[in-house]
Amino acid sequence: MKTILKIAIIAISLVMMLLVDVPLLPVQLVPEANAIFGTRRRTAVVVGATVHAADSAQMSASQQQAATAQQQAAAAQQQAAAAEKEAAAAKQEAAAAKQQAAAATPPPPAAAAGKPLPLGTVVSALPQGCVATPVGGVEYYYCGGNFYRAVFQGNQLVYVTAQPK
């Protein structure tokens, strides 16, 4: 019966302590209790929050840097595309100018009667007054003391001074 009485007294005192909000372990019994449960816990929470905030700020800064890098890459791609378009346009203009220059180049002057051009001279058009003369199954054009033979240079028809055979 003494044991039951002791257990009942301890149980009642624990319940009373809980109701009165008295700590179970008094500070006098464990001197480090305040340090363990008090200040350090709060500091750890504050430090943890600070570290978390610093990590968050660092992640935000790195995300901004990544976004900036992507924007710069996109701008560089746009500039490269614009430069390619400009180069293609310049190339087309150069080709057109070359064709105009080729079309505007007058044929070499036909030799006066009695002064033939050197053999192999290429002209883009026959002089006026040429007469077609077939020689050995080949069509020659005679004018101004020269014989011309029609040939293709690439896909363009030109005339070359030649000696009929």
C-alpha atoms as a PDB file:
ATOM      1  CA  MET A   1       0.000   0.000   0.000  1.00  0.00           C
ATOM      2  CA  LYS A   2       2.890   2.326   0.658  1.00  0.00           C
ATOM      3  CA  THR A   3       4.033   1.977  -2.958  1.00  0.00           C
ATOM      4  CA  ILE A   4       0.623   2.794  -4.319  1.00  0.00           C
ATOM      5  CA  LEU A   5       0.465   5.827  -2.096  1.00  0.00           C
ATOM      6  CA  LYS A   6       3.910   7.003  -3.280  1.00  0.00           C
ATOM      7  CA  ILE A   7       2.899   6.556  -6.948  1.00  0.00           C
ATOM      8  CA  ALA A   8      -0.327   8.461  -6.385  1.00  0.00           C
ATOM      9  CA  ILE A   9       1.501  11.341  -4.695  1.00  0.00           C
ATOM     10  CA  ILE A  10       4.032  11.575  -7.565  1.00  0.00           C
ATOM     11  CA  ALA A  11       1.252  11.455 -10.168  1.00  0.00           C
ATOM     12  CA  ILE A  12      -0.741  14.177  -8.392  1.00  0.00           C
ATOM     13  CA  SER A  13       2.331  16.389  -8.070  1.00  0.00           C
ATOM     14  CA  LEU A  14       3.124  15.978 -11.809  1.00  0.00           C
ATOM     15  CA  VAL A  15      -0.421  16.885 -12.750  1.00  0.00           C
ATOM     16  CA  MET A  16      -0.241  19.926 -10.479  1.00  0.00           C
ATOM     17  CA  MET A  17       3.028  20.996 -12.059  1.00  0.00           C
ATOM     18  CA  LEU A  18       1.488  20.752 -15.508  1.00  0.00           C
ATOM     19  CA  LEU A  19      -1.547  22.738 -14.430  1.00  0.00           C
ATOM     20  CA  VAL A  20       0.543  25.438 -12.847  1.00  0.00           C
ATOM     21  CA  ASP A  21       2.952  25.452 -15.850  1.00  0.00           C
ATOM     22  CA  VAL A  22       6.041  24.732 -13.805  1.00  0.00           C
ATOM     23  CA  PRO A  23       8.930  23.258 -15.833  1.00  0.00           C
ATOM     24  CA  LEU A  24       9.582  19.582 -15.211  1.00  0.00           C
ATOM     25  CA  LEU A  25      13.318  20.089 -14.967  1.00  0.00           C
ATOM     26  CA  PRO A  26      14.175  23.062 -12.812  1.00  0.00           C
ATOM     27  CA  VAL A  27      17.125  25.186 -13.951  1.00  0.00           C
ATOM     28  CA  GLN A  28      18.920  24.463 -10.665  1.00  0.00           C
ATOM     29  CA  LEU A  29      19.130  20.761 -11.468  1.00  0.00           C
ATOM     30  CA  VAL A  30      20.556  21.270 -14.989  1.00  0.00           C
ATOM     31  CA  PRO A  31      22.437  24.577 -15.260  1.00  0.00           C
ATOM     32  CA  GLU A  32      22.840  24.273 -19.043  1.00  0.00           C
ATOM     33  CA  ALA A  33      19.103  23.839 -19.570  1.00  0.00           C
ATOM     34  CA  ASN A  34      18.559  27.501 -20.269  1.00  0.00           C
ATOM     35  CA  ALA A  35      21.396  27.516 -22.767  1.00  0.00           C
ATOM     36  CA  ILE A  36      20.227  24.317 -24.413  1.00  0.00           C
ATOM     37  CA  PHE A  37      16.526  25.079 -24.584  1.00  0.00           C
ATOM     38  CA  GLY A  38      16.639  28.848 -24.549  1.00  0.00           C
ATOM     39  CA  THR A  39      19.116  31.011 -26.355  1.00  0.00           C
ATOM     40  CA  ARG A  40      20.720  28.495 -28.673  1.00  0.00           C
ATOM     41  CA  ARG A  41      17.464  27.300 -30.086  1.00  0.00           C
ATOM     42  CA  ARG A  42      16.442  30.853 -30.917  1.00  0.00           C
ATOM     43  CA  THR A  43      19.841  31.614 -32.411  1.00  0.00           C
ATOM     44  CA  ALA A  44      19.707  28.476 -34.491  1.00  0.00           C
ATOM     45  CA  VAL A  45      16.341  29.504 -35.822  1.00  0.00           C
ATOM     46  CA  VAL A  46      17.571  32.992 -36.641  1.00  0.00           C
ATOM     47  CA  VAL A  47      20.769  31.710 -38.231  1.00  0.00           C
ATOM     48  CA  GLY A  48      18.801  29.142 -40.178  1.00  0.00           C
ATOM     49  CA  ALA A  49      16.436  31.817 -41.412  1.00  0.00           C
ATOM     50  CA  THR A  50      19.363  34.041 -42.363  1.00  0.00           C
ATOM     51  CA  VAL A  51      21.098  31.251 -44.218  1.00  0.00           C
ATOM     52  CA  HIS A  52      17.854  30.399 -45.959  1.00  0.00           C
ATOM     53  CA  ALA A  53      17.379  34.047 -46.938  1.00  0.00           C
ATOM     54  CA  ALA A  54      20.967  34.225 -48.206  1.00  0.00           C
ATOM     55  CA  ASP A  55      20.481  31.025 -50.225  1.00  0.00           C
ATOM     56  CA  SER A  56      17.235  32.394 -51.585  1.00  0.00           C
ATOM     57  CA  ALA A  57      18.879  35.691 -52.579  1.00  0.00           C
ATOM     58  CA  GLN A  58      21.769  33.833 -54.192  1.00  0.00           C
ATOM     59  CA  MET A  59      19.377  31.613 -56.149  1.00  0.00           C
ATOM     60  CA  SER A  60      17.411  34.659 -57.249  1.00  0.00           C
ATOM     61  CA  ALA A  61      20.602  36.392 -58.412  1.00  0.00           C
ATOM     62  CA  SER A  62      21.724  33.308 -60.341  1.00  0.00           C
ATOM     63  CA  GLN A  63      18.298  33.043 -61.980  1.00  0.00           C
ATOM     64  CA  GLN A  64      18.505  36.683 -63.015  1.00  0.00           C
ATOM     65  CA  GLN A  65      21.977  36.098 -64.447  1.00  0.00           C
ATOM     66  CA  ALA A  66      20.704  33.083 -66.390  1.00  0.00           C
ATOM     67  CA  ALA A  67      17.788  35.107 -67.748  1.00  0.00           C
ATOM     68  CA  THR A  68      20.139  37.919 -68.756  1.00  0.00           C
ATOM     69  CA  ALA A  69      22.439  35.434 -70.491  1.00  0.00           C
ATOM     70  CA  GLN A  70      19.490  33.988 -72.409  1.00  0.00           C
ATOM     71  CA  GLN A  71      18.394  37.442 -73.497  1.00  0.00           C
ATOM     72  CA  GLN A  72      21.912  38.256 -74.669  1.00  0.00           C
ATOM     73  CA  ALA A  73      22.111  34.980 -76.603  1.00  0.00           C
ATOM     74  CA  ALA A  74      18.766  35.705 -78.275  1.00  0.00           C
ATOM     75  CA  ALA A  75      19.923  39.202 -79.215  1.00  0.00           C
ATOM     76  CA  ALA A  76      23.152  37.785 -80.656  1.00  0.00           C
ATOM     77  CA  GLN A  77      21.180  35.289 -82.743  1.00  0.00           C
ATOM     78  CA  GLN A  78      18.966  38.067 -84.063  1.00  0.00           C
ATOM     79  CA  GLN A  79      22.013  40.148 -84.973  1.00  0.00           C
ATOM     80  CA  ALA A  80      23.599  37.170 -86.739  1.00  0.00           C
ATOM     81  CA  ALA A  81      20.400  36.544 -88.706  1.00  0.00           C
ATOM     82  CA  ALA A  82      20.229  40.208 -89.701  1.00  0.00           C
ATOM     83  CA  ALA A  83      23.879  40.140 -90.787  1.00  0.00           C
ATOM     84  CA  GLU A  84      23.235  37.024 -92.891  1.00  0.00           C
ATOM     85  CA  LYS A  85      20.269  38.710 -94.558  1.00  0.00           C
ATOM     86  CA  GLU A  86      22.365  41.792 -95.297  1.00  0.00           C
ATOM     87  CA  ALA A  87      25.156  39.630 -96.737  1.00  0.00           C
ATOM     88  CA  ALA A  88      22.666  37.767 -98.952  1.00  0.00           C
ATOM     89  CA  ALA A  89      21.182  41.051-100.164  1.00  0.00           C
ATOM     90  CA  ALA A  90      24.652  42.435-100.901  1.00  0.00           C
ATOM     91  CA  LYS A  91      25.535  39.252-102.783  1.00  0.00           C
ATOM     92  CA  GLN A  92      22.365  39.535-104.890  1.00  0.00           C
ATOM     93  CA  GLU A  93      23.101  43.193-105.613  1.00  0.00           C
ATOM     94  CA  ALA A  94      26.649  42.303-106.664  1.00  0.00           C
ATOM     95  CA  ALA A  95      25.363  39.563-108.977  1.00  0.00           C
ATOM     96  CA  ALA A  96      22.818  41.953-110.507  1.00  0.00           C
ATOM     97  CA  ALA A  97      25.503  44.613-110.993  1.00  0.00           C
ATOM     98  CA  LYS A  98      27.772  42.041-112.628  1.00  0.00           C
ATOM     99  CA  GLN A  99      25.013  41.000-115.032  1.00  0.00           C
ATOM    100  CA  GLN A 100      24.272  44.633-115.884  1.00  0.00           C
ATOM    101  CA  ALA A 101      27.965  45.298-116.472  1.00  0.00           C
ATOM    102  CA  ALA A 102      28.225  42.243-118.722  1.00  0.00           C
ATOM    103  CA  ALA A 103      25.162  43.341-120.694  1.00  0.00           C
ATOM    104  CA  ALA A 104      26.408  46.924-120.962  1.00  0.00           C
ATOM    105  CA  THR A 105      29.872  45.951-122.245  1.00  0.00           C
ATOM    106  CA  PRO A 106      29.857  46.665-125.951  1.00  0.00           C
ATOM    107  CA  PRO A 107      31.333  44.059-128.258  1.00  0.00           C
ATOM    108  CA  PRO A 108      34.815  44.780-129.515  1.00  0.00           C
ATOM    109  CA  PRO A 109      34.697  46.927-132.602  1.00  0.00           C
ATOM    110  CA  ALA A 110      34.675  45.041-135.871  1.00  0.00           C
ATOM    111  CA  ALA A 111      37.745  45.506-137.967  1.00  0.00           C
ATOM    112  CA  ALA A 112      37.564  47.756-140.926  1.00  0.00           C
ATOM    113  CA  ALA A 113      37.619  46.120-144.330  1.00  0.00           C
ATOM    114  CA  GLY A 114      41.034  44.674-144.909  1.00  0.00           C
ATOM    115  CA  LYS A 115      42.005  44.606-141.171  1.00  0.00           C
ATOM    116  CA  PRO A 116      40.801  41.318-139.638  1.00  0.00           C
ATOM    117  CA  LEU A 117      40.559  40.735-135.882  1.00  0.00           C
ATOM    118  CA  PRO A 118      42.891  38.192-134.269  1.00  0.00           C
ATOM    119  CA  LEU A 119      41.579  34.618-134.348  1.00  0.00           C
ATOM    120  CA  GLY A 120      39.744  33.626-131.135  1.00  0.00           C
ATOM    121  CA  THR A 121      38.361  37.094-130.408  1.00  0.00           C
ATOM    122  CA  VAL A 122      35.004  36.689-128.614  1.00  0.00           C
ATOM    123  CA  VAL A 123      32.103  39.075-129.256  1.00  0.00           C
ATOM    124  CA  SER A 124      28.634  38.939-127.689  1.00  0.00           C
ATOM    125  CA  ALA A 125      26.832  40.144-130.860  1.00  0.00           C
ATOM    126  CA  LEU A 126      27.606  40.189-134.547  1.00  0.00           C
ATOM    127  CA  PRO A 127      28.287  43.494-136.266  1.00  0.00           C
ATOM    128  CA  GLN A 128      25.642  44.745-138.692  1.00  0.00           C
ATOM    129  CA  GLY A 129      25.688  43.511-142.227  1.00  0.00           C
ATOM    130  CA  CYS A 130      26.957  39.952-141.572  1.00  0.00           C
ATOM    131  CA  VAL A 131      26.169  37.274-144.122  1.00  0.00           C
ATOM    132  CA  ALA A 132      25.712  33.596-143.175  1.00  0.00           C
ATOM    133  CA  THR A 133      28.134  31.429-145.142  1.00  0.00           C
ATOM    134  CA  PRO A 134      28.200  27.622-144.731  1.00  0.00           C
ATOM    135  CA  VAL A 135      31.700  26.136-145.141  1.00  0.00           C
ATOM    136  CA  GLY A 136      32.240  22.370-144.779  1.00  0.00           C
ATOM    137  CA  GLY A 137      28.863  21.893-143.045  1.00  0.00           C
ATOM    138  CA  VAL A 138      29.595  24.597-140.442  1.00  0.00           C
ATOM    139  CA  GLU A 139      27.743  27.931-140.436  1.00  0.00           C
ATOM    140  CA  TYR A 140      30.106  30.950-140.437  1.00  0.00           C
ATOM    141  CA  TYR A 141      29.141  34.596-140.498  1.00  0.00           C
ATOM    142  CA  TYR A 142      31.213  36.921-142.674  1.00  0.00           C
ATOM    143  CA  CYS A 143      31.378  40.645-142.071  1.00  0.00           C
ATOM    144  CA  GLY A 144      34.042  43.360-142.063  1.00  0.00           C
ATOM    145  CA  GLY A 145      36.742  40.991-143.331  1.00  0.00           C
ATOM    146  CA  ASN A 146      36.204  38.496-140.466  1.00  0.00           C
ATOM    147  CA  PHE A 147      34.585  35.084-140.196  1.00  0.00           C
ATOM    148  CA  TYR A 148      32.629  34.423-136.977  1.00  0.00           C
ATOM    149  CA  ARG A 149      31.448  31.096-135.634  1.00  0.00           C
ATOM    150  CA  ALA A 150      28.560  30.819-133.118  1.00  0.00           C
ATOM    151  CA  VAL A 151      29.462  29.024-129.855  1.00  0.00           C
ATOM    152  CA  PHE A 152      28.058  28.751-126.343  1.00  0.00           C
ATOM    153  CA  GLN A 153      29.982  30.189-123.435  1.00  0.00           C
ATOM    154  CA  GLY A 154      28.207  28.675-120.408  1.00  0.00           C
ATOM    155  CA  ASN A 155      24.563  29.137-121.378  1.00  0.00           C
ATOM    156  CA  GLN A 156      25.138  32.325-123.399  1.00  0.00           C
ATOM    157  CA  LEU A 157      25.525  32.438-127.176  1.00  0.00           C
ATOM    158  CA  VAL A 158      28.670  34.291-128.311  1.00  0.00           C
ATOM    159  CA  TYR A 159      30.624  34.592-131.578  1.00  0.00           C
ATOM    160  CA  VAL A 160      34.317  33.811-132.041  1.00  0.00           C
ATOM    161  CA  THR A 161      36.520  34.878-134.923  1.00  0.00           C
ATOM    162  CA  ALA A 162      37.694  31.800-136.777  1.00  0.00           C
ATOM    163  CA  GLN A 163      39.326  30.609-139.997  1.00  0.00           C
ATOM    164  CA  PRO A 164      36.863  28.525-142.026  1.00  0.00           C
ATOM    165  CA  LYS A 165      38.058  24.970-142.791  1.00  0.00           C
END
